[in-house]
C-alpha atoms as a PDB file:
ATOM      1  CA  UNK A   1      84.927  -4.266   3.755  1.00  0.00           C
ATOM      2  CA  UNK A   2      86.005  -7.935   4.477  1.00  0.00           C
ATOM      3  CA  UNK A   3      83.788  -9.072   1.600  1.00  0.00           C
ATOM      4  CA  UNK A   4      84.132  -6.372  -1.012  1.00  0.00           C
ATOM      5  CA  UNK A   5      88.518  -7.278  -0.750  1.00  0.00           C
ATOM      6  CA  UNK A   6      87.410 -10.857  -1.137  1.00  0.00           C
ATOM      7  CA  UNK A   7      85.479 -10.156  -4.061  1.00  0.00           C
ATOM      8  CA  UNK A   8      88.323  -8.182  -5.491  1.00  0.00           C
ATOM      9  CA  UNK A   9      91.139 -11.339  -4.577  1.00  0.00           C
ATOM     10  CA  UNK A  10      88.167 -13.137  -6.132  1.00  0.00           C
ATOM     11  CA  UNK A  11      88.027 -12.167  -9.320  1.00  0.00           C
ATOM     12  CA  UNK A  12      91.825 -11.815  -9.810  1.00  0.00           C
ATOM     13  CA  UNK A  13      92.260 -15.745  -9.529  1.00  0.00           C
ATOM     14  CA  UNK A  14      88.930 -15.955 -12.011  1.00  0.00           C
ATOM     15  CA  UNK A  15      86.865 -17.232  -8.913  1.00  0.00           C
ATOM     16  CA  UNK A  16      83.877 -17.152 -10.111  1.00  0.00           C
ATOM     17  CA  UNK A  17      81.479 -19.674  -8.484  1.00  0.00           C
ATOM     18  CA  UNK A  18      82.891 -17.953  -5.198  1.00  0.00           C
ATOM     19  CA  UNK A  19      82.326 -14.185  -6.165  1.00  0.00           C
ATOM     20  CA  UNK A  20      78.337 -15.859  -6.645  1.00  0.00           C
ATOM     21  CA  UNK A  21      78.544 -17.353  -3.735  1.00  0.00           C
ATOM     22  CA  UNK A  22      79.789 -14.391  -1.650  1.00  0.00           C
ATOM     23  CA  UNK A  23      76.776 -12.021  -4.187  1.00  0.00           C
ATOM     24  CA  UNK A  24      73.847 -14.403  -2.689  1.00  0.00           C
ATOM     25  CA  UNK A  25      74.697 -13.344   0.772  1.00  0.00           C
ATOM     26  CA  UNK A  26      74.782  -9.340   0.467  1.00  0.00           C
ATOM     27  CA  UNK A  27      71.369  -7.218   0.193  1.00  0.00           C
ATOM     28  CA  UNK A  28      71.109  -5.377  -2.841  1.00  0.00           C
ATOM     29  CA  UNK A  29      72.310  -1.979  -1.023  1.00  0.00           C
ATOM     30  CA  UNK A  30      75.800  -4.013  -0.671  1.00  0.00           C
ATOM     31  CA  UNK A  31      76.188  -4.705  -3.770  1.00  0.00           C
ATOM     32  CA  UNK A  32      75.176  -1.152  -5.162  1.00  0.00           C
ATOM     33  CA  UNK A  33      77.953  -0.182  -2.296  1.00  0.00           C
ATOM     34  CA  UNK A  34      80.075  -3.043  -3.753  1.00  0.00           C
ATOM     35  CA  UNK A  35      79.516  -1.629  -7.583  1.00  0.00           C
ATOM     36  CA  UNK A  36      80.471   1.870  -6.958  1.00  0.00           C
ATOM     37  CA  UNK A  37      83.502   1.170  -4.929  1.00  0.00           C
ATOM     38  CA  UNK A  38      84.603  -1.213  -8.560  1.00  0.00           C
ATOM     39  CA  UNK A  39      86.579   0.377 -11.239  1.00  0.00           C
ATOM     40  CA  UNK A  40      84.060   0.389 -14.660  1.00  0.00           C
ATOM     41  CA  UNK A  41      86.167  -2.991 -16.173  1.00  0.00           C
ATOM     42  CA  UNK A  42      85.903  -5.006 -12.851  1.00  0.00           C
ATOM     43  CA  UNK A  43      82.110  -3.581 -12.024  1.00  0.00           C
ATOM     44  CA  UNK A  44      81.288  -4.877 -15.057  1.00  0.00           C
ATOM     45  CA  UNK A  45      82.024  -8.424 -14.681  1.00  0.00           C
ATOM     46  CA  UNK A  46      80.146  -8.367 -11.423  1.00  0.00           C
ATOM     47  CA  UNK A  47      77.060  -6.692 -12.913  1.00  0.00           C
ATOM     48  CA  UNK A  48      76.926 -10.165 -15.066  1.00  0.00           C
ATOM     49  CA  UNK A  49      77.320 -12.061 -12.049  1.00  0.00           C
ATOM     50  CA  UNK A  50      74.491 -10.948 -10.387  1.00  0.00           C
ATOM     51  CA  UNK A  51      70.519 -12.907 -10.387  1.00  0.00           C
ATOM     52  CA  UNK A  52      68.488 -10.837 -12.608  1.00  0.00           C
ATOM     53  CA  UNK A  53      66.009 -11.104 -10.437  1.00  0.00           C
ATOM     54  CA  UNK A  54      67.955  -8.539  -8.091  1.00  0.00           C
ATOM     55  CA  UNK A  55      69.466  -6.405 -10.694  1.00  0.00           C
ATOM     56  CA  UNK A  56      65.820  -3.556 -10.561  1.00  0.00           C
ATOM     57  CA  UNK A  57      66.606  -3.970  -6.884  1.00  0.00           C
ATOM     58  CA  UNK A  58      70.297  -3.132  -7.125  1.00  0.00           C
ATOM     59  CA  UNK A  59      69.969  -0.171  -9.882  1.00  0.00           C
ATOM     60  CA  UNK A  60      67.757   1.649  -7.833  1.00  0.00           C
ATOM     61  CA  UNK A  61      70.349   1.576  -5.018  1.00  0.00           C
ATOM     62  CA  UNK A  62      73.526   3.283  -6.909  1.00  0.00           C
ATOM     63  CA  UNK A  63      74.510   6.520  -7.696  1.00  0.00           C
ATOM     64  CA  UNK A  64      73.439   7.992 -10.656  1.00  0.00           C
ATOM     65  CA  UNK A  65      76.719   7.706 -12.518  1.00  0.00           C
ATOM     66  CA  UNK A  66      77.169   3.661 -11.759  1.00  0.00           C
ATOM     67  CA  UNK A  67      73.793   3.274 -11.862  1.00  0.00           C
ATOM     68  CA  UNK A  68      73.841   5.088 -15.851  1.00  0.00           C
ATOM     69  CA  UNK A  69      77.114   3.479 -16.806  1.00  0.00           C
ATOM     70  CA  UNK A  70      75.355   0.057 -16.435  1.00  0.00           C
ATOM     71  CA  UNK A  71      72.137   0.880 -17.938  1.00  0.00           C
ATOM     72  CA  UNK A  72      74.015   1.706 -21.223  1.00  0.00           C
ATOM     73  CA  UNK A  73      75.794  -1.612 -21.310  1.00  0.00           C
ATOM     74  CA  UNK A  74      72.627  -2.937 -20.912  1.00  0.00           C
ATOM     75  CA  UNK A  75      70.098  -4.232 -23.614  1.00  0.00           C
ATOM     76  CA  UNK A  76      66.321  -3.368 -24.455  1.00  0.00           C
ATOM     77  CA  UNK A  77      65.243  -6.835 -23.334  1.00  0.00           C
ATOM     78  CA  UNK A  78      66.910  -7.122 -20.608  1.00  0.00           C
ATOM     79  CA  UNK A  79      66.273  -3.303 -18.628  1.00  0.00           C
ATOM     80  CA  UNK A  80      62.546  -5.145 -19.750  1.00  0.00           C
ATOM     81  CA  UNK A  81      63.100  -7.876 -18.264  1.00  0.00           C
ATOM     82  CA  UNK A  82      64.458  -6.350 -15.224  1.00  0.00           C
ATOM     83  CA  UNK A  83      61.959  -3.207 -14.606  1.00  0.00           C
ATOM     84  CA  UNK A  84      58.827  -6.244 -14.750  1.00  0.00           C
ATOM     85  CA  UNK A  85      58.786  -6.369 -11.388  1.00  0.00           C
ATOM     86  CA  UNK A  86      59.490  -3.447 -10.227  1.00  0.00           C
ATOM     87  CA  UNK A  87      57.191  -1.175  -7.441  1.00  0.00           C
ATOM     88  CA  UNK A  88      56.373   1.630  -9.255  1.00  0.00           C
ATOM     89  CA  UNK A  89      57.116   4.420  -7.404  1.00  0.00           C
ATOM     90  CA  UNK A  90      60.965   2.972  -7.680  1.00  0.00           C
ATOM     91  CA  UNK A  91      60.426   2.360 -11.824  1.00  0.00           C
ATOM     92  CA  UNK A  92      59.292   5.956 -11.592  1.00  0.00           C
ATOM     93  CA  UNK A  93      62.726   7.010 -10.320  1.00  0.00           C
ATOM     94  CA  UNK A  94      64.640   4.590 -12.515  1.00  0.00           C
ATOM     95  CA  UNK A  95      63.114   5.430 -15.797  1.00  0.00           C
ATOM     96  CA  UNK A  96      64.588   9.053 -15.388  1.00  0.00           C
ATOM     97  CA  UNK A  97      67.329   7.239 -16.433  1.00  0.00           C
ATOM     98  CA  UNK A  98      66.653   4.634 -19.142  1.00  0.00           C
ATOM     99  CA  UNK A  99      66.539   5.274 -22.547  1.00  0.00           C
ATOM    100  CA  UNK A 100      63.654   7.012 -24.315  1.00  0.00           C
ATOM    101  CA  UNK A 101      62.713   4.010 -26.442  1.00  0.00           C
ATOM    102  CA  UNK A 102      62.816   1.516 -22.868  1.00  0.00           C
ATOM    103  CA  UNK A 103      60.790   3.571 -21.289  1.00  0.00           C
ATOM    104  CA  UNK A 104      58.086   3.381 -24.013  1.00  0.00           C
ATOM    105  CA  UNK A 105      58.053  -0.426 -24.273  1.00  0.00           C
ATOM    106  CA  UNK A 106      58.169  -0.592 -20.349  1.00  0.00           C
ATOM    107  CA  UNK A 107      55.386   2.333 -19.828  1.00  0.00           C
ATOM    108  CA  UNK A 108      53.336   0.035 -22.469  1.00  0.00           C
ATOM    109  CA  UNK A 109      53.891  -3.082 -20.176  1.00  0.00           C
ATOM    110  CA  UNK A 110      51.666  -1.636 -17.909  1.00  0.00           C
ATOM    111  CA  UNK A 111      47.923  -1.309 -17.671  1.00  0.00           C
ATOM    112  CA  UNK A 112      45.961   1.919 -18.486  1.00  0.00           C
ATOM    113  CA  UNK A 113      45.588   3.187 -15.371  1.00  0.00           C
ATOM    114  CA  UNK A 114      48.953   2.332 -13.698  1.00  0.00           C
ATOM    115  CA  UNK A 115      50.576   3.867 -17.169  1.00  0.00           C
ATOM    116  CA  UNK A 116      48.931   7.320 -16.888  1.00  0.00           C
ATOM    117  CA  UNK A 117      49.874   7.863 -12.837  1.00  0.00           C
ATOM    118  CA  UNK A 118      53.208   6.359 -13.239  1.00  0.00           C
ATOM    119  CA  UNK A 119      53.688   9.778 -16.232  1.00  0.00           C
ATOM    120  CA  UNK A 120      52.078  12.334 -14.104  1.00  0.00           C
ATOM    121  CA  UNK A 121      53.980  11.356 -10.818  1.00  0.00           C
ATOM    122  CA  UNK A 122      57.149  11.628 -13.141  1.00  0.00           C
ATOM    123  CA  UNK A 123      56.249  15.071 -13.545  1.00  0.00           C
ATOM    124  CA  UNK A 124      56.588  16.012  -9.894  1.00  0.00           C
ATOM    125  CA  UNK A 125      60.249  17.724  -8.370  1.00  0.00           C
ATOM    126  CA  UNK A 126      61.410  15.516  -5.590  1.00  0.00           C
ATOM    127  CA  UNK A 127      61.169  17.921  -3.353  1.00  0.00           C
ATOM    128  CA  UNK A 128      57.295  17.772  -3.523  1.00  0.00           C
ATOM    129  CA  UNK A 129      54.280  15.575  -2.765  1.00  0.00           C
ATOM    130  CA  UNK A 130      54.085  14.275  -6.212  1.00  0.00           C
ATOM    131  CA  UNK A 131      57.576  13.601  -6.129  1.00  0.00           C
ATOM    132  CA  UNK A 132      57.117  11.445  -2.962  1.00  0.00           C
ATOM    133  CA  UNK A 133      54.388   9.191  -4.666  1.00  0.00           C
ATOM    134  CA  UNK A 134      53.654   5.971  -5.694  1.00  0.00           C
ATOM    135  CA  UNK A 135      51.784   5.300  -7.773  1.00  0.00           C
ATOM    136  CA  UNK A 136      51.120   1.493  -7.154  1.00  0.00           C
ATOM    137  CA  UNK A 137      47.454   1.317  -5.294  1.00  0.00           C
ATOM    138  CA  UNK A 138      44.495   0.067  -5.806  1.00  0.00           C
ATOM    139  CA  UNK A 139      41.406   1.967  -7.080  1.00  0.00           C
ATOM    140  CA  UNK A 140      37.912   0.624  -7.559  1.00  0.00           C
ATOM    141  CA  UNK A 141      35.032   3.267  -9.511  1.00  0.00           C
ATOM    142  CA  UNK A 142      32.319   4.416  -7.384  1.00  0.00           C
ATOM    143  CA  UNK A 143      29.069   2.667  -7.129  1.00  0.00           C
ATOM    144  CA  UNK A 144      30.031  -1.009  -7.112  1.00  0.00           C
ATOM    145  CA  UNK A 145      28.742  -3.149  -3.834  1.00  0.00           C
ATOM    146  CA  UNK A 146      31.664  -4.318  -0.779  1.00  0.00           C
ATOM    147  CA  UNK A 147      30.985  -7.923  -2.432  1.00  0.00           C
ATOM    148  CA  UNK A 148      31.794  -6.440  -6.082  1.00  0.00           C
ATOM    149  CA  UNK A 149      35.447  -4.729  -4.833  1.00  0.00           C
ATOM    150  CA  UNK A 150      36.211  -8.013  -2.676  1.00  0.00           C
ATOM    151  CA  UNK A 151      35.819 -10.630  -5.322  1.00  0.00           C
ATOM    152  CA  UNK A 152      37.826  -8.050  -7.754  1.00  0.00           C
ATOM    153  CA  UNK A 153      40.413  -8.300  -4.556  1.00  0.00           C
ATOM    154  CA  UNK A 154      40.778 -12.000  -4.799  1.00  0.00           C
ATOM    155  CA  UNK A 155      41.327 -11.381  -8.905  1.00  0.00           C
ATOM    156  CA  UNK A 156      44.676  -9.766  -8.165  1.00  0.00           C
ATOM    157  CA  UNK A 157      47.577 -11.876  -7.438  1.00  0.00           C
ATOM    158  CA  UNK A 158      48.737  -9.511  -5.331  1.00  0.00           C
ATOM    159  CA  UNK A 159      48.133  -6.474  -3.649  1.00  0.00           C
ATOM    160  CA  UNK A 160      50.801  -3.879  -3.886  1.00  0.00           C
ATOM    161  CA  UNK A 161      53.070  -3.379  -0.594  1.00  0.00           C
ATOM    162  CA  UNK A 162      51.583  -1.442   2.186  1.00  0.00           C
ATOM    163  CA  UNK A 163      48.064  -1.306   0.631  1.00  0.00           C
ATOM    164  CA  UNK A 164      45.973  -0.098   4.163  1.00  0.00           C
ATOM    165  CA  UNK A 165      43.729   1.511   2.068  1.00  0.00           C
ATOM    166  CA  UNK A 166      41.509   0.319  -1.473  1.00  0.00           C
ATOM    167  CA  UNK A 167      40.780   4.296  -2.752  1.00  0.00           C
ATOM    168  CA  UNK A 168      37.736   4.885  -4.485  1.00  0.00           C
ATOM    169  CA  UNK A 169      37.290   7.036  -7.943  1.00  0.00           C
ATOM    170  CA  UNK A 170      34.844   8.467 -10.328  1.00  0.00           C
ATOM    171  CA  UNK A 171      34.521   7.802 -14.055  1.00  0.00           C
ATOM    172  CA  UNK A 172      37.391  10.393 -14.572  1.00  0.00           C
ATOM    173  CA  UNK A 173      39.835   9.079 -12.343  1.00  0.00           C
ATOM    174  CA  UNK A 174      38.418  11.876  -9.448  1.00  0.00           C
ATOM    175  CA  UNK A 175      39.157  11.459  -5.652  1.00  0.00           C
ATOM    176  CA  UNK A 176      35.874  10.302  -3.739  1.00  0.00           C
ATOM    177  CA  UNK A 177      36.968   8.240  -0.818  1.00  0.00           C
ATOM    178  CA  UNK A 178      39.140   5.601   0.999  1.00  0.00           C
ATOM    179  CA  UNK A 179      38.436   2.499   2.368  1.00  0.00           C
ATOM    180  CA  UNK A 180      40.200   1.231   4.878  1.00  0.00           C
ATOM    181  CA  UNK A 181      41.093  -2.269   4.060  1.00  0.00           C
ATOM    182  CA  UNK A 182      39.719  -4.583   7.155  1.00  0.00           C
ATOM    183  CA  UNK A 183      36.584  -2.875   6.762  1.00  0.00           C
ATOM    184  CA  UNK A 184      35.843  -4.669   3.726  1.00  0.00           C
ATOM    185  CA  UNK A 185      35.018  -7.971   6.000  1.00  0.00           C
ATOM    186  CA  UNK A 186      32.896  -6.454   8.859  1.00  0.00           C
ATOM    187  CA  UNK A 187      30.166  -5.132   6.949  1.00  0.00           C
ATOM    188  CA  UNK A 188      27.139  -6.426   4.496  1.00  0.00           C
ATOM    189  CA  UNK A 189      28.425  -7.124   1.482  1.00  0.00           C
ATOM    190  CA  UNK A 190      25.451  -5.760  -0.384  1.00  0.00           C
ATOM    191  CA  UNK A 191      26.107  -2.554   0.379  1.00  0.00           C
ATOM    192  CA  UNK A 192      27.511   0.078  -1.846  1.00  0.00           C
ATOM    193  CA  UNK A 193      31.788   0.554  -1.270  1.00  0.00           C
ATOM    194  CA  UNK A 194      30.546   4.180   0.036  1.00  0.00           C
ATOM    195  CA  UNK A 195      28.650   2.951   3.217  1.00  0.00           C
ATOM    196  CA  UNK A 196      32.186   2.120   4.605  1.00  0.00           C
ATOM    197  CA  UNK A 197      34.276   5.022   3.276  1.00  0.00           C
ATOM    198  CA  UNK A 198      36.977   6.202   6.334  1.00  0.00           C
ATOM    199  CA  UNK A 199      35.871  10.135   6.549  1.00  0.00           C
ATOM    200  CA  UNK A 200      38.497  11.206   7.990  1.00  0.00           C
ATOM    201  CA  UNK A 201      41.161  10.285   4.770  1.00  0.00           C
ATOM    202  CA  UNK A 202      42.064  13.726   2.817  1.00  0.00           C
ATOM    203  CA  UNK A 203      43.607  13.922  -0.022  1.00  0.00           C
ATOM    204  CA  UNK A 204      47.018  16.238  -0.582  1.00  0.00           C
ATOM    205  CA  UNK A 205      47.890  18.416  -3.184  1.00  0.00           C
ATOM    206  CA  UNK A 206      50.729  16.837  -5.113  1.00  0.00           C
ATOM    207  CA  UNK A 207      52.651  20.866  -5.116  1.00  0.00           C
ATOM    208  CA  UNK A 208      52.730  20.204  -1.069  1.00  0.00           C
ATOM    209  CA  UNK A 209      56.292  21.043  -0.055  1.00  0.00           C
ATOM    210  CA  UNK A 210      57.813  17.555   1.120  1.00  0.00           C
ATOM    211  CA  UNK A 211      58.642  19.018   4.410  1.00  0.00           C
ATOM    212  CA  UNK A 212      55.146  19.978   4.752  1.00  0.00           C
ATOM    213  CA  UNK A 213      54.593  16.315   4.112  1.00  0.00           C
ATOM    214  CA  UNK A 214      56.420  15.084   6.282  1.00  0.00           C
ATOM    215  CA  UNK A 215      55.290  17.365   9.013  1.00  0.00           C
ATOM    216  CA  UNK A 216      51.590  16.391   8.643  1.00  0.00           C
ATOM    217  CA  UNK A 217      52.565  12.710   8.715  1.00  0.00           C
ATOM    218  CA  UNK A 218      54.320  13.791  12.099  1.00  0.00           C
ATOM    219  CA  UNK A 219      51.544  15.646  13.454  1.00  0.00           C
ATOM    220  CA  UNK A 220      48.763  13.912  12.320  1.00  0.00           C
ATOM    221  CA  UNK A 221      50.648  10.522  12.803  1.00  0.00           C
ATOM    222  CA  UNK A 222      49.694   9.015   9.401  1.00  0.00           C
ATOM    223  CA  UNK A 223      50.774   5.696   7.610  1.00  0.00           C
ATOM    224  CA  UNK A 224      49.651   6.170   4.207  1.00  0.00           C
ATOM    225  CA  UNK A 225      47.941   9.700   2.322  1.00  0.00           C
ATOM    226  CA  UNK A 226      46.361  10.026  -1.037  1.00  0.00           C
ATOM    227  CA  UNK A 227      47.952  12.409  -3.136  1.00  0.00           C
ATOM    228  CA  UNK A 228      45.682  14.462  -6.207  1.00  0.00           C
ATOM    229  CA  UNK A 229      46.770  16.946  -8.728  1.00  0.00           C
ATOM    230  CA  UNK A 230      45.178  20.242  -9.486  1.00  0.00           C
ATOM    231  CA  UNK A 231      41.888  18.500 -10.867  1.00  0.00           C
ATOM    232  CA  UNK A 232      41.540  16.155  -8.049  1.00  0.00           C
ATOM    233  CA  UNK A 233      42.378  13.575  -9.673  1.00  0.00           C
ATOM    234  CA  UNK A 234      43.845  10.585  -8.200  1.00  0.00           C
ATOM    235  CA  UNK A 235      47.786  10.274  -8.725  1.00  0.00           C
ATOM    236  CA  UNK A 236      49.183   7.454  -5.767  1.00  0.00           C
ATOM    237  CA  UNK A 237      49.631   7.935  -2.062  1.00  0.00           C
ATOM    238  CA  UNK A 238      52.600   8.265   0.040  1.00  0.00           C
ATOM    239  CA  UNK A 239      53.184   6.140   2.814  1.00  0.00           C
ATOM    240  CA  UNK A 240      55.035   6.480   5.953  1.00  0.00           C
ATOM    241  CA  UNK A 241      58.122   4.737   4.582  1.00  0.00           C
ATOM    242  CA  UNK A 242      58.612   7.337   1.563  1.00  0.00           C
ATOM    243  CA  UNK A 243      58.543  10.274   3.999  1.00  0.00           C
END
C-alpha cells in the first residue's frame, strides 16, 4: 500500500528514477498487483519502466484482462524476447493470450521435442493432469549407456527447474521409465540406462482429474510424476509445486 502510494505520487511528479528504484524492490507478484490497481494510462507508463528480464514473470502473475491489455501494447519482437527464458509450463499459460503470429514464432524458437510437448499440453483443460503439466523435462532415448546420458547432461546449459528424474522414452516418445538423477553417479557408467530405472515411478494419464492428482501426491508422498497422453506419449511432469 505504502509503495503503491509512493509510485502514484512519483508518477504525478515525473520522478522516473524513484519509480524504477521502487520497482526493483518489488517481486513480480507485487509488481503485478501494483499494475492491476492503476488506471490504463498510468499502467502503460509503469510497464515501460519494468526491466525486460522481469516482464515475463510479471505477465504470468497478472489477471487475464490486464495481461491481455499489456500484450496488445507490445510489439512482436518484445513479446518474443519476453518469452525466451520462461519455463515451459508458464509459457503454455501465456501463449493462450498471445496473438497467433507471435505464438507460432515463439514455438518455432523451441526445439522440436519441446514444441510437440508444449502444443500437446496446451490442448488440455486446466482442471486435468494435462493442464497442470510442465513440459520442460529432460528425456532420453532408451538403449544408451549411463555414460552417454551423463555426457548429454553436461552439454546442457542448465537443468529445468525441479529436475528430480530423467525420463526414458522410445523412438516414438512413448514413456518407458524414469531414472533418479542421484542414481546416475552410483553405478558403472558402461551399463545401459534401463538398469537403473526406478520401477516405482508410474506415469499418470493427462485426462485424470486435477483433484485426483492432488490426492495422489498427498497419499503417495510424491515430489514429481510423469504425465502421458492416451497413446503413452510422454507430455511432461507434474511437480508438488504445480499441485
